Every structure is written in C-alpha cells, then in structure tokens.
C-alpha cells in the first residue's frame, strides 16, 4: 500500500502543524484529509501504521488521527510504539461505537481524545485544533527539558551534591556539615550551580529539577 500525502492545496506540506490520518480504508482517509484540507489544515494520510512510522517526523507539531482496528499493526500497537519512542504528538483514536471501551483504555495509555464514527466534522476540526495547541506546548516543554538536561550534565559531582541539597531547602551551614566542606566552598559551588544551570533564583532552579524529573532525565 502507498501513502497519501496531501496538504490543504493538494501538495505535501513541510512546515507548520500537520494532521496525520492513519486508516487502512481509503475512503476514510480521503474524507478526513479532504475535510482537513478544506479547513486550511495540512494533512498527510497513510494506509498502515508501518507506513506512517516510516514517514513520521516526531519534531513536527501536529496530531495523529488513528483508526483503532487495522490489519497488521493496530492502532493500539502503534500507540504503544509511539509511547516507547517518547513521542509527544497527540494521538486521537477514531473508533466505532463497539470499540469505545478500547478507546477509553487507549486514553489511559496516553491518547489525547477519541472520536466515534460516523465522525462529526465540526467536532473533528475542533479536536484537531486543540490537539495542535497541546502539541506545541508539549514540544516546547520537551525542548526546554533537553536544554535543562544539557546544563545539568555539565555539573561536577560535588556541584550535583550541592544542587540536591539546595532544592531540598538545606542551608549553607547544613550542606557544609553534611559534605564535610567549608561554608565558603559551599557558597562557591552554589554560585557555580546557579551559573551553569542559568537559574535566576532558587525557585527557578527547583522548577528545572522538577521538569527533569517529569521527563525521567534527572539522575538519582
């Protein structure tokens, strides 16, 4: 099977958010892609999950309109693969009424929304636009975590110890006692931590470490 890749004007779009339609039924793909294109929304459609994975750019904002029941790799299988890869692009499950329990399970696994067939056009467009906004925010947060992690990784072993103590709210004299160093040395390490992490305040430093923890990137 071959991919159908179209933008609002019928050609492939490479900039801006994109709605990826993944459905093994050609008529469904054409209807959804046509609706999206008529609303000025770039859309690319694929006849299989594998085909989609071969072309997908996880750094491009957008959303994935995914049919649950497909031969080979199902919608749930594709969602699991995307989760394994850490993809933050929202997944919208397209489901028949009988598959609603499965769609609800998919949402527990991180799907953004599910839409029942027959698809209501206005509802679909609303969900896609909201998913685009959510995706943009997720990608911003992801980029920020990557940036914070890069700064975190240049801290020395002692600076990491001091950072942990700082975010735990410990005073300089407590940190000095715990680490067996002078308060003056603690002050130097604190200043280095703030400079390397590009944190303007302790509160901002705490937020950075929380963000690293949310992304599973902070060292123990």
N, C-alpha and C. Protein backbone atom coordinates (compact mmCIF):
# COMPACT_ATOMS: atom_id res chain seq x y z
N UNK A 1 0.84 -1.19 0.00
CA UNK A 1 0.00 0.00 0.00
C UNK A 1 0.87 1.24 0.00
N UNK A 2 0.38 2.30 -0.58
CA UNK A 2 1.15 3.53 -0.67
C UNK A 2 0.53 4.61 0.17
N UNK A 3 1.35 5.58 0.56
CA UNK A 3 0.88 6.68 1.40
C UNK A 3 0.20 7.74 0.56
N UNK A 4 -0.81 8.38 1.15
CA UNK A 4 -1.43 9.55 0.54
C UNK A 4 -0.94 10.75 1.34
N UNK A 5 -0.14 11.62 0.72
CA UNK A 5 0.40 12.77 1.44
C UNK A 5 -0.10 14.03 0.78
N UNK A 6 -0.95 14.74 1.50
CA UNK A 6 -1.55 15.95 0.93
C UNK A 6 -1.58 17.07 1.93
N UNK A 7 -1.51 18.30 1.43
CA UNK A 7 -1.70 19.48 2.24
C UNK A 7 -3.00 20.14 1.83
N UNK A 8 -3.31 21.32 2.37
CA UNK A 8 -4.55 22.00 2.02
C UNK A 8 -4.72 22.23 0.53
N UNK A 9 -3.62 22.38 -0.19
CA UNK A 9 -3.72 22.65 -1.63
C UNK A 9 -3.41 21.41 -2.46
N UNK A 10 -3.30 20.25 -1.80
CA UNK A 10 -3.08 19.02 -2.55
C UNK A 10 -1.63 18.60 -2.64
N UNK A 11 -0.69 19.45 -2.19
CA UNK A 11 0.72 19.09 -2.24
C UNK A 11 1.23 18.85 -0.84
N UNK A 12 2.37 18.22 -0.74
CA UNK A 12 2.91 17.91 0.57
C UNK A 12 3.38 19.17 1.27
N UNK A 13 2.96 19.31 2.54
CA UNK A 13 3.37 20.44 3.36
C UNK A 13 4.50 20.00 4.27
N UNK A 14 5.48 20.85 4.48
CA UNK A 14 6.60 20.50 5.35
C UNK A 14 6.74 21.44 6.53
N UNK A 15 6.02 22.54 6.55
CA UNK A 15 6.10 23.50 7.65
C UNK A 15 4.75 23.57 8.34
N UNK A 16 4.80 23.95 9.62
CA UNK A 16 3.56 24.11 10.36
C UNK A 16 3.00 22.77 10.80
N UNK A 17 1.95 22.80 11.62
CA UNK A 17 1.38 21.57 12.15
C UNK A 17 0.70 20.73 11.08
N UNK A 18 0.69 19.43 11.30
CA UNK A 18 0.11 18.51 10.34
C UNK A 18 -0.76 17.49 11.06
N UNK A 19 -1.91 17.19 10.47
CA UNK A 19 -2.76 16.12 10.97
C UNK A 19 -2.47 14.85 10.17
N UNK A 20 -1.98 13.83 10.84
CA UNK A 20 -1.66 12.57 10.18
C UNK A 20 -2.87 11.64 10.30
N UNK A 21 -3.40 11.22 9.18
CA UNK A 21 -4.54 10.31 9.14
C UNK A 21 -4.02 8.91 8.85
N UNK A 22 -4.24 7.99 9.79
CA UNK A 22 -3.75 6.61 9.62
C UNK A 22 -4.96 5.69 9.64
N UNK A 23 -5.31 5.15 8.48
CA UNK A 23 -6.51 4.32 8.35
C UNK A 23 -6.32 3.42 7.13
N UNK A 24 -6.63 2.14 7.26
CA UNK A 24 -6.43 1.22 6.13
C UNK A 24 -7.52 1.34 5.08
N UNK A 25 -8.60 2.06 5.36
CA UNK A 25 -9.69 2.22 4.41
C UNK A 25 -9.51 3.53 3.65
N UNK A 26 -9.33 3.43 2.35
CA UNK A 26 -9.01 4.60 1.54
C UNK A 26 -10.09 5.67 1.61
N UNK A 27 -11.36 5.28 1.58
CA UNK A 27 -12.43 6.27 1.62
C UNK A 27 -12.37 7.09 2.90
N UNK A 28 -12.10 6.44 4.03
CA UNK A 28 -11.99 7.17 5.30
C UNK A 28 -10.85 8.17 5.25
N UNK A 29 -9.72 7.73 4.70
CA UNK A 29 -8.57 8.64 4.60
C UNK A 29 -8.91 9.85 3.74
N UNK A 30 -9.52 9.59 2.61
CA UNK A 30 -9.83 10.68 1.68
C UNK A 30 -10.83 11.67 2.29
N UNK A 31 -11.81 11.14 3.00
CA UNK A 31 -12.82 12.02 3.60
C UNK A 31 -12.21 12.91 4.66
N UNK A 32 -11.41 12.33 5.56
CA UNK A 32 -10.81 13.12 6.64
C UNK A 32 -9.78 14.10 6.10
N UNK A 33 -8.92 13.63 5.20
CA UNK A 33 -7.90 14.53 4.63
C UNK A 33 -8.56 15.66 3.85
N UNK A 34 -9.64 15.34 3.13
CA UNK A 34 -10.35 16.38 2.38
C UNK A 34 -10.98 17.40 3.30
N UNK A 35 -11.59 16.95 4.38
CA UNK A 35 -12.19 17.87 5.35
C UNK A 35 -11.13 18.78 5.95
N UNK A 36 -10.03 18.20 6.36
CA UNK A 36 -8.96 18.98 6.98
C UNK A 36 -8.39 19.99 5.99
N UNK A 37 -8.15 19.54 4.77
CA UNK A 37 -7.62 20.44 3.75
C UNK A 37 -8.55 21.60 3.47
N UNK A 38 -9.88 21.33 3.43
CA UNK A 38 -10.84 22.40 3.16
C UNK A 38 -10.88 23.43 4.29
N UNK A 39 -10.43 23.02 5.49
CA UNK A 39 -10.38 23.93 6.63
C UNK A 39 -9.01 24.59 6.77
N UNK A 40 -8.14 24.38 5.78
CA UNK A 40 -6.82 25.00 5.81
C UNK A 40 -5.83 24.29 6.70
N UNK A 41 -6.10 23.03 7.02
CA UNK A 41 -5.23 22.25 7.90
C UNK A 41 -4.44 21.25 7.05
N UNK A 42 -3.12 21.29 7.15
CA UNK A 42 -2.29 20.35 6.41
C UNK A 42 -2.56 18.93 6.90
N UNK A 43 -2.66 18.00 5.97
CA UNK A 43 -2.94 16.61 6.34
C UNK A 43 -2.10 15.68 5.48
N UNK A 44 -1.62 14.61 6.11
CA UNK A 44 -0.95 13.54 5.39
C UNK A 44 -1.62 12.24 5.81
N UNK A 45 -1.94 11.39 4.86
CA UNK A 45 -2.66 10.16 5.20
C UNK A 45 -1.87 8.93 4.81
N UNK A 46 -2.07 7.87 5.60
CA UNK A 46 -1.30 6.64 5.45
C UNK A 46 -2.22 5.44 5.57
N UNK A 47 -1.94 4.42 4.77
CA UNK A 47 -2.78 3.24 4.72
C UNK A 47 -2.40 2.19 5.76
N UNK A 48 -1.30 2.39 6.47
CA UNK A 48 -0.90 1.43 7.50
C UNK A 48 -0.05 2.13 8.55
N UNK A 49 0.02 1.51 9.72
CA UNK A 49 0.82 2.07 10.81
C UNK A 49 2.30 2.05 10.44
N UNK A 50 2.76 0.98 9.82
CA UNK A 50 4.17 0.89 9.44
C UNK A 50 4.54 1.98 8.45
N UNK A 51 3.67 2.21 7.50
CA UNK A 51 3.90 3.25 6.51
C UNK A 51 4.02 4.62 7.18
N UNK A 52 3.16 4.85 8.15
CA UNK A 52 3.21 6.10 8.89
C UNK A 52 4.54 6.25 9.63
N UNK A 53 4.96 5.21 10.32
CA UNK A 53 6.20 5.28 11.09
C UNK A 53 7.40 5.58 10.20
N UNK A 54 7.38 5.08 8.97
CA UNK A 54 8.49 5.32 8.05
C UNK A 54 8.62 6.80 7.67
N UNK A 55 7.49 7.53 7.70
CA UNK A 55 7.49 8.92 7.23
C UNK A 55 7.38 9.94 8.35
N UNK A 56 7.04 9.50 9.53
CA UNK A 56 6.70 10.42 10.63
C UNK A 56 7.90 11.19 11.16
N UNK A 57 7.71 12.50 11.34
CA UNK A 57 8.71 13.38 11.95
C UNK A 57 8.20 13.78 13.33
N UNK A 58 8.73 13.20 14.41
CA UNK A 58 8.21 13.48 15.75
C UNK A 58 8.45 14.91 16.23
N UNK A 59 9.32 15.64 15.54
CA UNK A 59 9.60 17.02 15.95
C UNK A 59 8.66 18.02 15.29
N UNK A 60 7.84 17.55 14.36
CA UNK A 60 6.90 18.45 13.71
C UNK A 60 5.60 18.49 14.51
N UNK A 61 5.10 19.66 14.84
CA UNK A 61 3.86 19.73 15.62
C UNK A 61 2.68 19.22 14.81
N UNK A 62 1.69 18.70 15.50
CA UNK A 62 0.51 18.21 14.82
C UNK A 62 -0.27 17.26 15.69
N UNK A 63 -0.98 16.31 15.07
CA UNK A 63 -1.67 15.27 15.80
C UNK A 63 -1.84 14.07 14.88
N UNK A 64 -2.16 12.93 15.47
CA UNK A 64 -2.31 11.69 14.71
C UNK A 64 -3.75 11.22 14.86
N UNK A 65 -4.47 11.13 13.74
CA UNK A 65 -5.83 10.61 13.73
C UNK A 65 -5.74 9.14 13.37
N UNK A 66 -5.97 8.30 14.34
CA UNK A 66 -5.58 6.90 14.23
C UNK A 66 -6.77 5.96 14.38
N UNK A 67 -7.00 5.16 13.36
CA UNK A 67 -8.05 4.14 13.43
C UNK A 67 -7.59 3.00 14.34
N UNK A 68 -8.45 2.58 15.24
CA UNK A 68 -8.06 1.54 16.19
C UNK A 68 -7.84 0.20 15.50
N UNK A 69 -8.79 -0.19 14.65
CA UNK A 69 -8.73 -1.53 14.05
C UNK A 69 -8.13 -1.46 12.65
N UNK A 70 -6.89 -1.95 12.54
CA UNK A 70 -6.22 -2.03 11.25
C UNK A 70 -5.50 -3.37 11.16
N UNK A 71 -5.36 -3.94 9.97
CA UNK A 71 -4.61 -5.19 9.84
C UNK A 71 -3.13 -4.96 10.12
N UNK A 72 -2.47 -6.01 10.58
CA UNK A 72 -1.06 -5.87 10.90
C UNK A 72 -0.91 -5.14 12.22
N UNK A 73 -0.20 -4.04 12.21
CA UNK A 73 -0.04 -3.22 13.42
C UNK A 73 -1.32 -2.42 13.65
N UNK A 74 -2.01 -2.69 14.73
CA UNK A 74 -3.26 -1.99 15.03
C UNK A 74 -3.00 -0.59 15.57
N UNK A 75 -4.07 0.16 15.74
CA UNK A 75 -3.93 1.49 16.32
C UNK A 75 -3.33 1.45 17.71
N UNK A 76 -3.75 0.47 18.52
CA UNK A 76 -3.19 0.34 19.86
C UNK A 76 -1.72 -0.05 19.81
N UNK A 77 -1.35 -0.89 18.86
CA UNK A 77 0.06 -1.27 18.71
C UNK A 77 0.90 -0.05 18.34
N UNK A 78 0.36 0.76 17.44
CA UNK A 78 1.08 1.96 17.02
C UNK A 78 1.21 2.92 18.19
N UNK A 79 0.16 3.09 18.95
CA UNK A 79 0.23 3.97 20.12
C UNK A 79 1.31 3.49 21.09
N UNK A 80 1.37 2.19 21.32
CA UNK A 80 2.39 1.64 22.22
C UNK A 80 3.80 1.92 21.70
N UNK A 81 3.98 1.81 20.38
CA UNK A 81 5.28 2.08 19.78
C UNK A 81 5.65 3.56 19.93
N UNK A 82 4.68 4.44 19.73
CA UNK A 82 4.93 5.87 19.89
C UNK A 82 5.28 6.20 21.33
N UNK A 83 4.58 5.57 22.27
CA UNK A 83 4.89 5.78 23.69
C UNK A 83 6.31 5.32 24.00
N UNK A 84 6.69 4.17 23.43
CA UNK A 84 8.04 3.65 23.66
C UNK A 84 9.10 4.60 23.14
N UNK A 85 8.78 5.30 22.06
CA UNK A 85 9.73 6.24 21.47
C UNK A 85 9.69 7.61 22.13
N UNK A 86 8.78 7.82 23.07
CA UNK A 86 8.68 9.10 23.75
C UNK A 86 8.07 10.20 22.91
N UNK A 87 7.24 9.82 21.93
CA UNK A 87 6.61 10.81 21.06
C UNK A 87 5.54 11.58 21.82
N UNK A 88 5.56 12.91 21.70
CA UNK A 88 4.60 13.75 22.43
C UNK A 88 3.47 14.26 21.55
N UNK A 89 3.51 13.96 20.25
CA UNK A 89 2.44 14.39 19.35
C UNK A 89 1.14 13.69 19.76
N UNK A 90 0.05 14.44 20.01
CA UNK A 90 -1.19 13.83 20.49
C UNK A 90 -1.79 12.82 19.52
N UNK A 91 -2.30 11.74 20.09
CA UNK A 91 -2.97 10.69 19.33
C UNK A 91 -4.47 10.78 19.56
N UNK A 92 -5.23 10.89 18.48
CA UNK A 92 -6.69 10.90 18.54
C UNK A 92 -7.18 9.60 17.92
N UNK A 93 -7.85 8.78 18.73
CA UNK A 93 -8.34 7.50 18.25
C UNK A 93 -9.68 7.68 17.53
N UNK A 94 -9.79 7.08 16.36
CA UNK A 94 -11.05 7.06 15.61
C UNK A 94 -11.64 5.67 15.78
N UNK A 95 -12.86 5.60 16.32
CA UNK A 95 -13.39 4.31 16.71
C UNK A 95 -14.86 4.13 16.39
N UNK A 96 -15.24 2.89 16.11
CA UNK A 96 -16.65 2.54 16.01
C UNK A 96 -17.22 2.44 17.43
N UNK A 97 -18.54 2.54 17.54
CA UNK A 97 -19.17 2.53 18.86
C UNK A 97 -18.77 1.31 19.68
N UNK A 98 -18.68 0.15 19.03
CA UNK A 98 -18.35 -1.08 19.74
C UNK A 98 -16.94 -1.06 20.33
N UNK A 99 -16.09 -0.17 19.82
CA UNK A 99 -14.70 -0.11 20.28
C UNK A 99 -14.45 0.97 21.33
N UNK A 100 -15.52 1.60 21.82
CA UNK A 100 -15.35 2.67 22.80
C UNK A 100 -14.56 2.20 24.03
N UNK A 101 -14.85 1.03 24.61
CA UNK A 101 -14.03 0.59 25.76
C UNK A 101 -12.54 0.51 25.44
N UNK A 102 -12.23 0.08 24.21
CA UNK A 102 -10.82 0.03 23.81
C UNK A 102 -10.24 1.44 23.71
N UNK A 103 -11.03 2.37 23.18
CA UNK A 103 -10.58 3.75 23.06
C UNK A 103 -10.33 4.37 24.43
N UNK A 104 -11.19 4.05 25.38
CA UNK A 104 -11.01 4.56 26.74
C UNK A 104 -9.71 4.02 27.33
N UNK A 105 -9.43 2.75 27.09
CA UNK A 105 -8.17 2.17 27.54
C UNK A 105 -6.99 2.88 26.87
N UNK A 106 -7.14 3.21 25.59
CA UNK A 106 -6.08 3.93 24.89
C UNK A 106 -5.82 5.29 25.53
N UNK A 107 -6.89 5.95 26.00
CA UNK A 107 -6.71 7.23 26.67
C UNK A 107 -5.97 7.06 27.99
N UNK A 108 -6.23 5.95 28.67
CA UNK A 108 -5.48 5.69 29.90
C UNK A 108 -4.00 5.50 29.61
N UNK A 109 -3.72 5.04 28.38
CA UNK A 109 -2.33 4.86 27.96
C UNK A 109 -1.74 6.12 27.34
N UNK A 110 -2.49 7.22 27.36
CA UNK A 110 -1.93 8.49 26.91
C UNK A 110 -2.55 9.10 25.68
N UNK A 111 -3.54 8.43 25.07
CA UNK A 111 -4.20 9.04 23.91
C UNK A 111 -4.86 10.35 24.32
N UNK A 112 -4.87 11.30 23.43
CA UNK A 112 -5.39 12.64 23.72
C UNK A 112 -6.92 12.66 23.75
N UNK A 113 -7.55 11.95 22.82
CA UNK A 113 -9.01 12.01 22.67
C UNK A 113 -9.44 10.83 21.81
N UNK A 114 -10.72 10.50 21.83
CA UNK A 114 -11.24 9.56 20.84
C UNK A 114 -12.51 10.11 20.23
N UNK A 115 -12.72 9.78 18.97
CA UNK A 115 -13.87 10.27 18.21
C UNK A 115 -14.60 9.06 17.64
N UNK A 116 -15.90 9.02 17.86
CA UNK A 116 -16.69 7.89 17.35
C UNK A 116 -17.12 8.12 15.91
N UNK A 117 -17.20 7.01 15.18
CA UNK A 117 -17.77 7.02 13.83
C UNK A 117 -19.29 6.90 13.94
N UNK A 118 -20.05 7.52 13.03
CA UNK A 118 -19.58 8.42 11.97
C UNK A 118 -19.07 9.72 12.56
N UNK A 119 -17.99 10.20 11.99
CA UNK A 119 -17.31 11.38 12.53
C UNK A 119 -18.12 12.64 12.28
N UNK A 120 -18.29 13.43 13.33
CA UNK A 120 -18.92 14.74 13.20
C UNK A 120 -17.83 15.72 12.75
N UNK A 121 -18.01 16.34 11.60
CA UNK A 121 -16.96 17.17 11.01
C UNK A 121 -16.53 18.32 11.91
N UNK A 122 -17.48 19.03 12.48
CA UNK A 122 -17.16 20.18 13.32
C UNK A 122 -16.38 19.73 14.55
N UNK A 123 -16.80 18.61 15.12
CA UNK A 123 -16.11 18.09 16.31
C UNK A 123 -14.69 17.68 15.97
N UNK A 124 -14.53 17.01 14.83
CA UNK A 124 -13.19 16.59 14.41
C UNK A 124 -12.26 17.78 14.27
N UNK A 125 -12.72 18.82 13.59
CA UNK A 125 -11.88 20.01 13.39
C UNK A 125 -11.53 20.67 14.72
N UNK A 126 -12.49 20.71 15.63
CA UNK A 126 -12.24 21.30 16.95
C UNK A 126 -11.19 20.50 17.70
N UNK A 127 -11.31 19.17 17.68
CA UNK A 127 -10.34 18.32 18.37
C UNK A 127 -8.95 18.49 17.77
N UNK A 128 -8.86 18.53 16.45
CA UNK A 128 -7.56 18.68 15.79
C UNK A 128 -6.91 20.00 16.17
N UNK A 129 -7.67 21.08 16.17
CA UNK A 129 -7.09 22.39 16.51
C UNK A 129 -6.62 22.43 17.97
N UNK A 130 -7.40 21.83 18.85
CA UNK A 130 -6.98 21.78 20.25
C UNK A 130 -5.75 20.90 20.42
N UNK A 131 -5.71 19.81 19.67
CA UNK A 131 -4.55 18.91 19.73
C UNK A 131 -3.29 19.61 19.22
N UNK A 132 -3.43 20.45 18.20
CA UNK A 132 -2.29 21.22 17.70
C UNK A 132 -1.72 22.11 18.81
N UNK A 133 -2.61 22.78 19.55
CA UNK A 133 -2.16 23.67 20.63
C UNK A 133 -1.46 22.86 21.72
N UNK A 134 -2.05 21.71 22.05
CA UNK A 134 -1.44 20.85 23.06
C UNK A 134 -0.07 20.36 22.61
N UNK A 135 0.04 19.99 21.34
CA UNK A 135 1.30 19.50 20.82
C UNK A 135 2.38 20.57 20.87
N UNK A 136 2.02 21.78 20.48
CA UNK A 136 3.00 22.87 20.50
C UNK A 136 3.55 23.09 21.91
N UNK A 137 2.66 23.02 22.89
CA UNK A 137 3.09 23.18 24.28
C UNK A 137 3.97 22.02 24.72
N UNK A 138 3.59 20.81 24.34
CA UNK A 138 4.40 19.64 24.71
C UNK A 138 5.79 19.71 24.09
N UNK A 139 5.87 20.14 22.84
CA UNK A 139 7.16 20.23 22.17
C UNK A 139 8.03 21.32 22.81
N UNK A 140 7.39 22.43 23.22
CA UNK A 140 8.15 23.47 23.93
C UNK A 140 8.71 22.93 25.24
N UNK A 141 7.88 22.20 25.98
CA UNK A 141 8.33 21.64 27.25
C UNK A 141 9.44 20.61 27.03
N UNK A 142 9.30 19.81 25.97
CA UNK A 142 10.31 18.81 25.66
C UNK A 142 11.64 19.48 25.33
N UNK A 143 11.59 20.54 24.52
CA UNK A 143 12.81 21.26 24.15
C UNK A 143 13.46 21.89 25.37
N UNK A 144 12.63 22.39 26.28
CA UNK A 144 13.17 23.00 27.49
C UNK A 144 13.84 21.95 28.37
N UNK A 145 13.21 20.76 28.47
CA UNK A 145 13.83 19.69 29.26
C UNK A 145 15.18 19.29 28.68
N UNK A 146 15.26 19.21 27.35
CA UNK A 146 16.52 18.85 26.71
C UNK A 146 17.59 19.89 27.03
N UNK A 147 17.20 21.17 26.98
CA UNK A 147 18.14 22.25 27.28
C UNK A 147 18.60 22.20 28.73
N UNK A 148 17.65 22.01 29.65
CA UNK A 148 17.99 21.93 31.07
C UNK A 148 18.88 20.73 31.34
N UNK A 149 18.57 19.58 30.69
CA UNK A 149 19.37 18.37 30.91
C UNK A 149 20.81 18.57 30.43
N UNK A 150 20.98 19.30 29.32
CA UNK A 150 22.33 19.57 28.82
C UNK A 150 23.13 20.38 29.83
N UNK A 151 22.47 21.33 30.48
CA UNK A 151 23.16 22.14 31.51
C UNK A 151 23.42 21.31 32.77
N UNK A 152 22.45 20.49 33.12
CA UNK A 152 22.58 19.62 34.30
C UNK A 152 23.77 18.68 34.15
N UNK A 153 23.99 18.20 32.93
CA UNK A 153 25.03 17.21 32.68
C UNK A 153 26.45 17.78 32.78
N UNK A 154 26.61 19.10 32.78
CA UNK A 154 27.96 19.67 32.89
C UNK A 154 28.33 19.98 34.34
N UNK A 155 27.41 19.74 35.27
CA UNK A 155 27.74 19.95 36.68
C UNK A 155 28.71 18.88 37.16
N UNK A 156 29.62 19.28 38.03
CA UNK A 156 30.55 18.31 38.61
C UNK A 156 29.82 17.47 39.66
N UNK A 157 30.48 16.40 40.10
CA UNK A 157 29.86 15.53 41.11
C UNK A 157 29.54 16.31 42.38
N UNK A 158 30.46 17.19 42.81
CA UNK A 158 30.22 17.99 44.02
C UNK A 158 29.10 19.00 43.80
N UNK A 159 29.07 19.60 42.62
CA UNK A 159 28.00 20.55 42.32
C UNK A 159 26.64 19.87 42.30
N UNK A 160 26.60 18.63 41.84
CA UNK A 160 25.34 17.88 41.87
C UNK A 160 24.89 17.63 43.30
N UNK A 161 25.84 17.34 44.18
CA UNK A 161 25.50 17.15 45.59
C UNK A 161 24.94 18.43 46.19
N UNK A 162 25.57 19.54 45.86
CA UNK A 162 25.11 20.82 46.38
C UNK A 162 23.73 21.17 45.81
N UNK A 163 23.55 20.92 44.51
CA UNK A 163 22.24 21.18 43.90
C UNK A 163 21.14 20.39 44.61
N UNK A 164 21.38 19.10 44.85
CA UNK A 164 20.38 18.27 45.53
C UNK A 164 20.03 18.86 46.89
N UNK A 165 21.05 19.30 47.60
CA UNK A 165 20.82 19.88 48.92
C UNK A 165 20.07 21.21 48.82
N UNK A 166 20.41 22.00 47.81
CA UNK A 166 19.74 23.30 47.62
C UNK A 166 18.24 23.12 47.39
N UNK A 167 17.89 22.18 46.49
CA UNK A 167 16.47 22.00 46.16
C UNK A 167 15.73 21.31 47.30
N UNK A 168 16.48 20.71 48.22
CA UNK A 168 15.86 20.14 49.42
C UNK A 168 15.66 21.20 50.50
N UNK A 169 16.15 22.43 50.22
CA UNK A 169 15.95 23.54 51.15
C UNK A 169 16.95 23.62 52.28
N UNK A 170 18.10 22.97 52.12
CA UNK A 170 19.09 22.97 53.19
C UNK A 170 19.93 24.25 53.14
N UNK A 171 20.30 24.74 54.33
CA UNK A 171 21.11 25.95 54.46
C UNK A 171 22.57 25.63 54.17
N UNK A 172 23.34 26.70 53.89
CA UNK A 172 24.76 26.51 53.57
C UNK A 172 25.50 25.77 54.68
N UNK A 173 25.23 26.14 55.94
CA UNK A 173 25.95 25.50 57.04
C UNK A 173 25.56 24.02 57.16
N UNK A 174 24.33 23.69 56.82
CA UNK A 174 23.91 22.30 56.85
C UNK A 174 24.58 21.50 55.73
N UNK A 175 24.65 22.13 54.54
CA UNK A 175 25.31 21.48 53.42
C UNK A 175 26.78 21.27 53.72
N UNK A 176 27.41 22.28 54.29
CA UNK A 176 28.83 22.20 54.63
C UNK A 176 29.08 21.05 55.60
N UNK A 177 28.23 20.94 56.61
CA UNK A 177 28.38 19.87 57.61
C UNK A 177 28.19 18.49 56.96
N UNK A 178 27.15 18.37 56.15
CA UNK A 178 26.85 17.08 55.52
C UNK A 178 27.96 16.62 54.59
N UNK A 179 28.56 17.58 53.85
CA UNK A 179 29.56 17.22 52.85
C UNK A 179 30.99 17.31 53.39
N UNK A 180 31.15 17.83 54.61
CA UNK A 180 32.48 17.93 55.20
C UNK A 180 33.35 18.97 54.52
N UNK A 181 32.72 20.08 54.09
CA UNK A 181 33.46 21.16 53.46
C UNK A 181 33.09 22.47 54.15
N UNK A 182 33.83 23.55 53.81
CA UNK A 182 33.56 24.84 54.45
C UNK A 182 32.34 25.51 53.83
N UNK A 183 31.75 26.43 54.61
CA UNK A 183 30.62 27.19 54.08
C UNK A 183 31.03 28.00 52.87
N UNK A 184 32.26 28.53 52.90
CA UNK A 184 32.74 29.31 51.77
C UNK A 184 32.78 28.45 50.50
N UNK A 185 33.23 27.21 50.64
CA UNK A 185 33.27 26.30 49.49
C UNK A 185 31.85 26.01 48.99
N UNK A 186 30.91 25.86 49.92
CA UNK A 186 29.52 25.65 49.55
C UNK A 186 29.01 26.84 48.74
N UNK A 187 29.35 28.05 49.21
CA UNK A 187 28.91 29.25 48.50
C UNK A 187 29.44 29.28 47.07
N UNK A 188 30.69 28.87 46.90
CA UNK A 188 31.28 28.83 45.56
C UNK A 188 30.54 27.82 44.68
N UNK A 189 30.28 26.65 45.24
CA UNK A 189 29.56 25.63 44.48
C UNK A 189 28.15 26.08 44.14
N UNK A 190 27.49 26.74 45.09
CA UNK A 190 26.13 27.25 44.83
C UNK A 190 26.15 28.23 43.66
N UNK A 191 27.11 29.13 43.67
CA UNK A 191 27.21 30.12 42.60
C UNK A 191 27.47 29.43 41.26
N UNK A 192 28.32 28.41 41.26
CA UNK A 192 28.60 27.67 40.03
C UNK A 192 27.35 26.96 39.52
N UNK A 193 26.59 26.37 40.44
CA UNK A 193 25.36 25.67 40.06
C UNK A 193 24.39 26.65 39.41
N UNK A 194 24.19 27.80 40.03
CA UNK A 194 23.25 28.78 39.50
C UNK A 194 23.69 29.28 38.13
N UNK A 195 25.00 29.49 37.98
CA UNK A 195 25.51 29.99 36.70
C UNK A 195 25.38 28.93 35.60
N UNK A 196 25.81 27.70 35.89
CA UNK A 196 25.76 26.66 34.88
C UNK A 196 24.33 26.28 34.50
N UNK A 197 23.44 26.29 35.46
CA UNK A 197 22.04 25.96 35.19
C UNK A 197 21.27 27.15 34.62
N UNK A 198 21.90 28.34 34.61
CA UNK A 198 21.27 29.56 34.11
C UNK A 198 19.96 29.84 34.86
N UNK A 199 20.03 29.63 36.18
CA UNK A 199 18.87 29.86 37.04
C UNK A 199 19.00 31.22 37.70
N UNK A 200 17.95 32.01 37.62
CA UNK A 200 17.98 33.36 38.21
C UNK A 200 17.57 33.36 39.67
N UNK A 201 17.02 32.27 40.14
CA UNK A 201 16.59 32.19 41.54
C UNK A 201 16.54 30.74 41.95
N UNK A 202 16.46 30.52 43.27
CA UNK A 202 16.34 29.15 43.77
C UNK A 202 15.03 28.53 43.30
N UNK A 203 13.98 29.34 43.26
CA UNK A 203 12.67 28.83 42.81
C UNK A 203 12.77 28.34 41.36
N UNK A 204 13.49 29.07 40.53
CA UNK A 204 13.64 28.65 39.14
C UNK A 204 14.46 27.37 39.05
N UNK A 205 15.47 27.24 39.90
CA UNK A 205 16.29 26.03 39.92
C UNK A 205 15.43 24.83 40.33
N UNK A 206 14.57 25.02 41.30
CA UNK A 206 13.68 23.94 41.74
C UNK A 206 12.76 23.53 40.60
N UNK A 207 12.22 24.50 39.88
CA UNK A 207 11.34 24.19 38.75
C UNK A 207 12.09 23.38 37.69
N UNK A 208 13.36 23.72 37.46
CA UNK A 208 14.16 22.99 36.49
C UNK A 208 14.31 21.52 36.89
N UNK A 209 14.61 21.28 38.16
CA UNK A 209 14.82 19.90 38.60
C UNK A 209 13.50 19.12 38.57
N UNK A 210 12.40 19.79 38.85
CA UNK A 210 11.09 19.14 38.74
C UNK A 210 10.84 18.74 37.30
N UNK A 211 11.17 19.64 36.38
CA UNK A 211 10.97 19.36 34.95
C UNK A 211 11.82 18.17 34.50
N UNK A 212 13.04 18.09 35.00
CA UNK A 212 13.89 16.96 34.67
C UNK A 212 13.29 15.66 35.21
N UNK A 213 12.75 15.74 36.42
CA UNK A 213 12.13 14.56 37.00
C UNK A 213 10.92 14.10 36.23
N UNK A 214 10.14 15.06 35.71
CA UNK A 214 8.96 14.72 34.92
C UNK A 214 9.34 14.02 33.64
N UNK A 215 10.51 14.37 33.11
CA UNK A 215 10.94 13.75 31.87
C UNK A 215 11.75 12.48 32.08
N UNK A 216 11.91 12.09 33.37
CA UNK A 216 12.66 10.88 33.66
C UNK A 216 14.13 11.02 33.36
N UNK A 217 14.66 12.28 33.37
CA UNK A 217 16.03 12.52 32.92
C UNK A 217 16.98 12.90 34.07
N UNK A 218 16.42 13.12 35.25
CA UNK A 218 17.27 13.55 36.35
C UNK A 218 17.95 12.35 37.01
N UNK A 219 19.23 12.47 37.22
CA UNK A 219 19.96 11.39 37.84
C UNK A 219 19.55 11.23 39.28
N UNK A 220 19.64 10.01 39.79
CA UNK A 220 19.28 9.75 41.18
C UNK A 220 20.36 10.31 42.09
